[in-house]
Amino acid sequence: MARINKKHFVIFNNAGVISATTPKNWARANQTLFDGYNFSNSENTPTVIEIENYLTNNLQFTKIENDEVIILYPYHSI
């Protein structure tokens, strides 16, 4: 049975350590990439879809998903 809401993760290189976080936590750590948002509350934080679109369209992250999870990563393969 598929999850109603999929879990979203971003996998990235964190100073030589492969790390995983949520899209919103990744965006909070990279706030300068999201003009027009101050991250003070949910209305001033980009949506998961906006963040994932930024990652895939601007940083060439690859997106894979199944019935339960969506993973974005900046590598040719995992």
PDB file of N, CA and C in Angstrom:
ATOM      1  N   MET A   1       0.830  -1.175   0.000  1.00  0.00           N
ATOM      2  CA  MET A   1       0.000   0.000   0.000  1.00  0.00           C
ATOM      3  C   MET A   1       0.886   1.254   0.000  1.00  0.00           C
ATOM      4  N   ALA A   2       0.622   2.182  -0.880  1.00  0.00           N
ATOM      5  CA  ALA A   2       1.412   3.397  -1.006  1.00  0.00           C
ATOM      6  C   ALA A   2       1.059   4.388   0.104  1.00  0.00           C
ATOM      7  N   ARG A   3       2.058   5.179   0.483  1.00  0.00           N
ATOM      8  CA  ARG A   3       1.829   6.250   1.463  1.00  0.00           C
ATOM      9  C   ARG A   3       0.937   7.317   0.840  1.00  0.00           C
ATOM     10  N   ILE A   4       0.109   7.945   1.633  1.00  0.00           N
ATOM     11  CA  ILE A   4      -0.708   9.057   1.147  1.00  0.00           C
ATOM     12  C   ILE A   4       0.200  10.234   0.799  1.00  0.00           C
ATOM     13  N   ASN A   5       1.101  10.585   1.712  1.00  0.00           N
ATOM     14  CA  ASN A   5       2.070  11.655   1.480  1.00  0.00           C
ATOM     15  C   ASN A   5       3.470  11.053   1.444  1.00  0.00           C
ATOM     16  N   LYS A   6       4.166  11.286   0.359  1.00  0.00           N
ATOM     17  CA  LYS A   6       5.513  10.752   0.234  1.00  0.00           C
ATOM     18  C   LYS A   6       6.471  11.539   1.111  1.00  0.00           C
ATOM     19  N   LYS A   7       7.514  10.876   1.595  1.00  0.00           N
ATOM     20  CA  LYS A   7       8.579  11.542   2.331  1.00  0.00           C
ATOM     21  C   LYS A   7       9.577  12.080   1.314  1.00  0.00           C
ATOM     22  N   HIS A   8      10.106  13.275   1.556  1.00  0.00           N
ATOM     23  CA  HIS A   8      11.025  13.936   0.641  1.00  0.00           C
ATOM     24  C   HIS A   8      12.387  14.086   1.308  1.00  0.00           C
ATOM     25  N   PHE A   9      13.458  13.758   0.570  1.00  0.00           N
ATOM     26  CA  PHE A   9      14.815  13.862   1.090  1.00  0.00           C
ATOM     27  C   PHE A   9      15.731  14.477   0.046  1.00  0.00           C
ATOM     28  N   VAL A  10      16.736  15.206   0.526  1.00  0.00           N
ATOM     29  CA  VAL A  10      17.810  15.715  -0.315  1.00  0.00           C
ATOM     30  C   VAL A  10      19.094  15.077   0.202  1.00  0.00           C
ATOM     31  N   ILE A  11      19.831  14.425  -0.685  1.00  0.00           N
ATOM     32  CA  ILE A  11      21.121  13.840  -0.349  1.00  0.00           C
ATOM     33  C   ILE A  11      22.182  14.749  -0.945  1.00  0.00           C
ATOM     34  N   PHE A  12      23.210  15.096  -0.150  1.00  0.00           N
ATOM     35  CA  PHE A  12      24.228  16.030  -0.626  1.00  0.00           C
ATOM     36  C   PHE A  12      25.559  15.775   0.069  1.00  0.00           C
ATOM     37  N   ASN A  13      26.623  16.345  -0.500  1.00  0.00           N
ATOM     38  CA  ASN A  13      27.957  16.246   0.061  1.00  0.00           C
ATOM     39  C   ASN A  13      28.130  17.384   1.054  1.00  0.00           C
ATOM     40  N   ASN A  14      28.311  17.050   2.305  1.00  0.00           N
ATOM     41  CA  ASN A  14      28.461  18.033   3.376  1.00  0.00           C
ATOM     42  C   ASN A  14      29.911  18.001   3.850  1.00  0.00           C
ATOM     43  N   ALA A  15      30.778  18.727   3.138  1.00  0.00           N
ATOM     44  CA  ALA A  15      32.214  18.781   3.467  1.00  0.00           C
ATOM     45  C   ALA A  15      32.831  17.387   3.506  1.00  0.00           C
ATOM     46  N   GLY A  16      32.503  16.572   2.514  1.00  0.00           N
ATOM     47  CA  GLY A  16      33.086  15.236   2.408  1.00  0.00           C
ATOM     48  C   GLY A  16      32.271  14.132   3.047  1.00  0.00           C
ATOM     49  N   VAL A  17      31.187  14.488   3.716  1.00  0.00           N
ATOM     50  CA  VAL A  17      30.313  13.494   4.349  1.00  0.00           C
ATOM     51  C   VAL A  17      28.978  13.503   3.606  1.00  0.00           C
ATOM     52  N   ILE A  18      28.559  12.353   3.107  1.00  0.00           N
ATOM     53  CA  ILE A  18      27.273  12.264   2.436  1.00  0.00           C
ATOM     54  C   ILE A  18      26.183  12.407   3.494  1.00  0.00           C
ATOM     55  N   SER A  19      25.306  13.391   3.300  1.00  0.00           N
ATOM     56  CA  SER A  19      24.271  13.712   4.283  1.00  0.00           C
ATOM     57  C   SER A  19      22.897  13.702   3.628  1.00  0.00           C
ATOM     58  N   ALA A  20      21.871  13.578   4.442  1.00  0.00           N
ATOM     59  CA  ALA A  20      20.489  13.624   3.956  1.00  0.00           C
ATOM     60  C   ALA A  20      19.685  14.528   4.883  1.00  0.00           C
ATOM     61  N   THR A  21      18.778  15.290   4.283  1.00  0.00           N
ATOM     62  CA  THR A  21      17.906  16.171   5.035  1.00  0.00           C
ATOM     63  C   THR A  21      16.614  16.345   4.264  1.00  0.00           C
ATOM     64  N   THR A  22      15.698  17.106   4.817  1.00  0.00           N
ATOM     65  CA  THR A  22      14.461  17.415   4.112  1.00  0.00           C
ATOM     66  C   THR A  22      14.704  18.595   3.182  1.00  0.00           C
ATOM     67  N   PRO A  23      13.886  18.764   2.147  1.00  0.00           N
ATOM     68  CA  PRO A  23      14.051  19.925   1.267  1.00  0.00           C
ATOM     69  C   PRO A  23      13.985  21.260   2.015  1.00  0.00           C
ATOM     70  N   LYS A  24      13.058  21.412   2.959  1.00  0.00           N
ATOM     71  CA  LYS A  24      12.951  22.685   3.678  1.00  0.00           C
ATOM     72  C   LYS A  24      14.174  22.947   4.550  1.00  0.00           C
ATOM     73  N   ASN A  25      14.717  21.928   5.191  1.00  0.00           N
ATOM     74  CA  ASN A  25      15.936  22.135   5.980  1.00  0.00           C
ATOM     75  C   ASN A  25      17.110  22.473   5.070  1.00  0.00           C
ATOM     76  N   TRP A  26      17.180  21.852   3.893  1.00  0.00           N
ATOM     77  CA  TRP A  26      18.235  22.184   2.936  1.00  0.00           C
ATOM     78  C   TRP A  26      18.097  23.647   2.525  1.00  0.00           C
ATOM     79  N   ALA A  27      16.870  24.087   2.243  1.00  0.00           N
ATOM     80  CA  ALA A  27      16.637  25.476   1.835  1.00  0.00           C
ATOM     81  C   ALA A  27      16.992  26.447   2.963  1.00  0.00           C
ATOM     82  N   ARG A  28      16.684  26.089   4.200  1.00  0.00           N
ATOM     83  CA  ARG A  28      17.033  26.965   5.330  1.00  0.00           C
ATOM     84  C   ARG A  28      18.548  27.156   5.416  1.00  0.00           C
ATOM     85  N   ALA A  29      19.297  26.114   5.102  1.00  0.00           N
ATOM     86  CA  ALA A  29      20.764  26.196   5.126  1.00  0.00           C
ATOM     87  C   ALA A  29      21.312  26.936   3.910  1.00  0.00           C
ATOM     88  N   ASN A  30      20.471  27.145   2.894  1.00  0.00           N
ATOM     89  CA  ASN A  30      20.886  27.806   1.652  1.00  0.00           C
ATOM     90  C   ASN A  30      19.935  28.953   1.306  1.00  0.00           C
ATOM     91  N   GLN A  31      19.571  29.730   2.301  1.00  0.00           N
ATOM     92  CA  GLN A  31      18.558  30.783   2.151  1.00  0.00           C
ATOM     93  C   GLN A  31      18.897  31.799   1.072  1.00  0.00           C
ATOM     94  N   THR A  32      20.165  32.046   0.831  1.00  0.00           N
ATOM     95  CA  THR A  32      20.544  33.051  -0.165  1.00  0.00           C
ATOM     96  C   THR A  32      20.109  32.659  -1.575  1.00  0.00           C
ATOM     97  N   LEU A  33      19.789  31.408  -1.795  1.00  0.00           N
ATOM     98  CA  LEU A  33      19.338  30.940  -3.111  1.00  0.00           C
ATOM     99  C   LEU A  33      17.866  31.235  -3.366  1.00  0.00           C
ATOM    100  N   PHE A  34      17.138  31.664  -2.341  1.00  0.00           N
ATOM    101  CA  PHE A  34      15.696  31.843  -2.449  1.00  0.00           C
ATOM    102  C   PHE A  34      15.302  33.292  -2.146  1.00  0.00           C
ATOM    103  N   ASP A  35      15.489  34.150  -3.147  1.00  0.00           N
ATOM    104  CA  ASP A  35      15.116  35.558  -3.008  1.00  0.00           C
ATOM    105  C   ASP A  35      13.617  35.671  -2.736  1.00  0.00           C
ATOM    106  N   GLY A  36      13.261  36.627  -1.921  1.00  0.00           N
ATOM    107  CA  GLY A  36      11.852  36.863  -1.640  1.00  0.00           C
ATOM    108  C   GLY A  36      11.322  36.091  -0.453  1.00  0.00           C
ATOM    109  N   TYR A  37      12.161  35.259   0.145  1.00  0.00           N
ATOM    110  CA  TYR A  37      11.750  34.495   1.331  1.00  0.00           C
ATOM    111  C   TYR A  37      12.685  34.843   2.487  1.00  0.00           C
ATOM    112  N   ASN A  38      12.111  35.047   3.669  1.00  0.00           N
ATOM    113  CA  ASN A  38      12.955  35.308   4.836  1.00  0.00           C
ATOM    114  C   ASN A  38      12.935  34.164   5.840  1.00  0.00           C
ATOM    115  N   PHE A  39      12.160  33.107   5.561  1.00  0.00           N
ATOM    116  CA  PHE A  39      12.129  31.883   6.358  1.00  0.00           C
ATOM    117  C   PHE A  39      11.640  32.117   7.788  1.00  0.00           C
ATOM    118  N   SER A  40      10.910  33.194   8.034  1.00  0.00           N
ATOM    119  CA  SER A  40      10.430  33.494   9.381  1.00  0.00           C
ATOM    120  C   SER A  40       9.221  32.660   9.788  1.00  0.00           C
ATOM    121  N   ASN A  41       8.458  32.182   8.779  1.00  0.00           N
ATOM    122  CA  ASN A  41       7.305  31.338   9.060  1.00  0.00           C
ATOM    123  C   ASN A  41       6.967  30.564   7.781  1.00  0.00           C
ATOM    124  N   SER A  42       5.921  29.760   7.806  1.00  0.00           N
ATOM    125  CA  SER A  42       5.604  28.917   6.653  1.00  0.00           C
ATOM    126  C   SER A  42       5.243  29.719   5.412  1.00  0.00           C
ATOM    127  N   GLU A  43       4.635  30.888   5.597  1.00  0.00           N
ATOM    128  CA  GLU A  43       4.275  31.723   4.449  1.00  0.00           C
ATOM    129  C   GLU A  43       5.496  32.373   3.804  1.00  0.00           C
ATOM    130  N   ASN A  44       6.588  32.490   4.557  1.00  0.00           N
ATOM    131  CA  ASN A  44       7.816  33.105   4.072  1.00  0.00           C
ATOM    132  C   ASN A  44       8.927  32.085   3.843  1.00  0.00           C
ATOM    133  N   THR A  45       8.523  30.832   3.601  1.00  0.00           N
ATOM    134  CA  THR A  45       9.445  29.745   3.295  1.00  0.00           C
ATOM    135  C   THR A  45       8.966  29.095   2.005  1.00  0.00           C
ATOM    136  N   PRO A  46       9.874  28.811   1.064  1.00  0.00           N
ATOM    137  CA  PRO A  46       9.422  28.177  -0.180  1.00  0.00           C
ATOM    138  C   PRO A  46       8.814  26.798   0.095  1.00  0.00           C
ATOM    139  N   THR A  47       7.900  26.393  -0.772  1.00  0.00           N
ATOM    140  CA  THR A  47       7.285  25.068  -0.635  1.00  0.00           C
ATOM    141  C   THR A  47       8.276  23.991  -1.049  1.00  0.00           C
ATOM    142  N   VAL A  48       7.982  22.772  -0.672  1.00  0.00           N
ATOM    143  CA  VAL A  48       8.823  21.634  -1.059  1.00  0.00           C
ATOM    144  C   VAL A  48       8.928  21.560  -2.585  1.00  0.00           C
ATOM    145  N   ILE A  49       7.821  21.786  -3.285  1.00  0.00           N
ATOM    146  CA  ILE A  49       7.832  21.741  -4.749  1.00  0.00           C
ATOM    147  C   ILE A  49       8.755  22.819  -5.319  1.00  0.00           C
ATOM    148  N   GLU A  50       8.692  24.039  -4.772  1.00  0.00           N
ATOM    149  CA  GLU A  50       9.571  25.124  -5.230  1.00  0.00           C
ATOM    150  C   GLU A  50      11.047  24.762  -5.007  1.00  0.00           C
ATOM    151  N   ILE A  51      11.335  24.199  -3.858  1.00  0.00           N
ATOM    152  CA  ILE A  51      12.712  23.820  -3.532  1.00  0.00           C
ATOM    153  C   ILE A  51      13.190  22.712  -4.469  1.00  0.00           C
ATOM    154  N   GLU A  52      12.362  21.692  -4.660  1.00  0.00           N
ATOM    155  CA  GLU A  52      12.745  20.591  -5.542  1.00  0.00           C
ATOM    156  C   GLU A  52      12.917  21.072  -6.981  1.00  0.00           C
ATOM    157  N   ASN A  53      12.058  21.979  -7.435  1.00  0.00           N
ATOM    158  CA  ASN A  53      12.213  22.540  -8.777  1.00  0.00           C
ATOM    159  C   ASN A  53      13.525  23.305  -8.894  1.00  0.00           C
ATOM    160  N   TYR A  54      13.884  24.062  -7.867  1.00  0.00           N
ATOM    161  CA  TYR A  54      15.154  24.784  -7.881  1.00  0.00           C
ATOM    162  C   TYR A  54      16.322  23.802  -7.983  1.00  0.00           C
ATOM    163  N   LEU A  55      16.271  22.760  -7.183  1.00  0.00           N
ATOM    164  CA  LEU A  55      17.353  21.771  -7.186  1.00  0.00           C
ATOM    165  C   LEU A  55      17.507  21.090  -8.547  1.00  0.00           C
ATOM    166  N   THR A  56      16.400  20.710  -9.154  1.00  0.00           N
ATOM    167  CA  THR A  56      16.488  20.002 -10.434  1.00  0.00           C
ATOM    168  C   THR A  56      16.776  20.944 -11.595  1.00  0.00           C
ATOM    169  N   ASN A  57      16.194  22.140 -11.590  1.00  0.00           N
ATOM    170  CA  ASN A  57      16.344  23.058 -12.724  1.00  0.00           C
ATOM    171  C   ASN A  57      17.623  23.882 -12.680  1.00  0.00           C
ATOM    172  N   ASN A  58      18.094  24.231 -11.484  1.00  0.00           N
ATOM    173  CA  ASN A  58      19.255  25.115 -11.369  1.00  0.00           C
ATOM    174  C   ASN A  58      20.537  24.421 -10.930  1.00  0.00           C
ATOM    175  N   LEU A  59      20.422  23.372 -10.162  1.00  0.00           N
ATOM    176  CA  LEU A  59      21.608  22.694  -9.643  1.00  0.00           C
ATOM    177  C   LEU A  59      21.782  21.289 -10.212  1.00  0.00           C
ATOM    178  N   GLN A  60      20.952  20.923 -11.176  1.00  0.00           N
ATOM    179  CA  GLN A  60      21.024  19.645 -11.865  1.00  0.00           C
ATOM    180  C   GLN A  60      20.967  18.430 -10.930  1.00  0.00           C
ATOM    181  N   PHE A  61      20.185  18.547  -9.861  1.00  0.00           N
ATOM    182  CA  PHE A  61      19.946  17.386  -9.002  1.00  0.00           C
ATOM    183  C   PHE A  61      19.076  16.401  -9.771  1.00  0.00           C
ATOM    184  N   THR A  62      19.267  15.132  -9.517  1.00  0.00           N
ATOM    185  CA  THR A  62      18.446  14.079 -10.092  1.00  0.00           C
ATOM    186  C   THR A  62      17.359  13.715  -9.095  1.00  0.00           C
ATOM    187  N   LYS A  63      16.178  13.431  -9.602  1.00  0.00           N
ATOM    188  CA  LYS A  63      15.038  13.087  -8.742  1.00  0.00           C
ATOM    189  C   LYS A  63      14.626  11.654  -9.031  1.00  0.00           C
ATOM    190  N   ILE A  64      14.526  10.853  -7.986  1.00  0.00           N
ATOM    191  CA  ILE A  64      13.988   9.499  -8.106  1.00  0.00           C
ATOM    192  C   ILE A  64      12.860   9.366  -7.088  1.00  0.00           C
ATOM    193  N   GLU A  65      11.881   8.542  -7.419  1.00  0.00           N
ATOM    194  CA  GLU A  65      10.774   8.358  -6.478  1.00  0.00           C
ATOM    195  C   GLU A  65      10.104   7.016  -6.678  1.00  0.00           C
ATOM    196  N   ASN A  66       9.435   6.593  -5.623  1.00  0.00           N
ATOM    197  CA  ASN A  66       8.566   5.418  -5.681  1.00  0.00           C
ATOM    198  C   ASN A  66       7.280   5.771  -4.955  1.00  0.00           C
ATOM    199  N   ASP A  67       6.528   4.793  -4.528  1.00  0.00           N
ATOM    200  CA  ASP A  67       5.245   5.061  -3.882  1.00  0.00           C
ATOM    201  C   ASP A  67       5.369   5.688  -2.493  1.00  0.00           C
ATOM    202  N   GLU A  68       6.581   5.655  -1.898  1.00  0.00           N
ATOM    203  CA  GLU A  68       6.739   6.116  -0.526  1.00  0.00           C
ATOM    204  C   GLU A  68       7.687   7.286  -0.346  1.00  0.00           C
ATOM    205  N   VAL A  69       8.636   7.458  -1.254  1.00  0.00           N
ATOM    206  CA  VAL A  69       9.701   8.431  -1.013  1.00  0.00           C
ATOM    207  C   VAL A  69      10.107   9.136  -2.305  1.00  0.00           C
ATOM    208  N   ILE A  70      10.558  10.386  -2.161  1.00  0.00           N
ATOM    209  CA  ILE A  70      11.159  11.157  -3.252  1.00  0.00           C
ATOM    210  C   ILE A  70      12.539  11.568  -2.770  1.00  0.00           C
ATOM    211  N   ILE A  71      13.558  11.273  -3.574  1.00  0.00           N
ATOM    212  CA  ILE A  71      14.937  11.597  -3.218  1.00  0.00           C
ATOM    213  C   ILE A  71      15.534  12.442  -4.333  1.00  0.00           C
ATOM    214  N   LEU A  72      16.186  13.533  -3.948  1.00  0.00           N
ATOM    215  CA  LEU A  72      16.929  14.358  -4.898  1.00  0.00           C
ATOM    216  C   LEU A  72      18.403  14.288  -4.526  1.00  0.00           C
ATOM    217  N   TYR A  73      19.269  14.152  -5.528  1.00  0.00           N
ATOM    218  CA  TYR A  73      20.699  14.051  -5.264  1.00  0.00           C
ATOM    219  C   TYR A  73      21.478  14.620  -6.449  1.00  0.00           C
ATOM    220  N   PRO A  74      22.679  15.168  -6.192  1.00  0.00           N
ATOM    221  CA  PRO A  74      23.453  15.835  -7.237  1.00  0.00           C
ATOM    222  C   PRO A  74      24.478  14.931  -7.922  1.00  0.00           C
ATOM    223  N   TYR A  75      24.247  13.650  -7.939  1.00  0.00           N
ATOM    224  CA  TYR A  75      25.207  12.705  -8.487  1.00  0.00           C
ATOM    225  C   TYR A  75      24.635  12.039  -9.723  1.00  0.00           C
ATOM    226  N   HIS A  76      25.509  11.499 -10.559  1.00  0.00           N
ATOM    227  CA  HIS A  76      25.053  10.780 -11.742  1.00  0.00           C
ATOM    228  C   HIS A  76      24.371   9.477 -11.361  1.00  0.00           C
ATOM    229  N   SER A  77      24.815   8.871 -10.261  1.00  0.00           N
ATOM    230  CA  SER A  77      24.174   7.636  -9.781  1.00  0.00           C
ATOM    231  C   SER A  77      24.475   7.484  -8.304  1.00  0.00           C
ATOM    232  N   ILE A  78      23.619   6.722  -7.652  1.00  0.00           N
ATOM    233  CA  ILE A  78      23.822   6.455  -6.212  1.00  0.00           C
ATOM    234  C   ILE A  78      24.327   5.034  -6.089  1.00  0.00           C
TER     235      ILE A  78
END
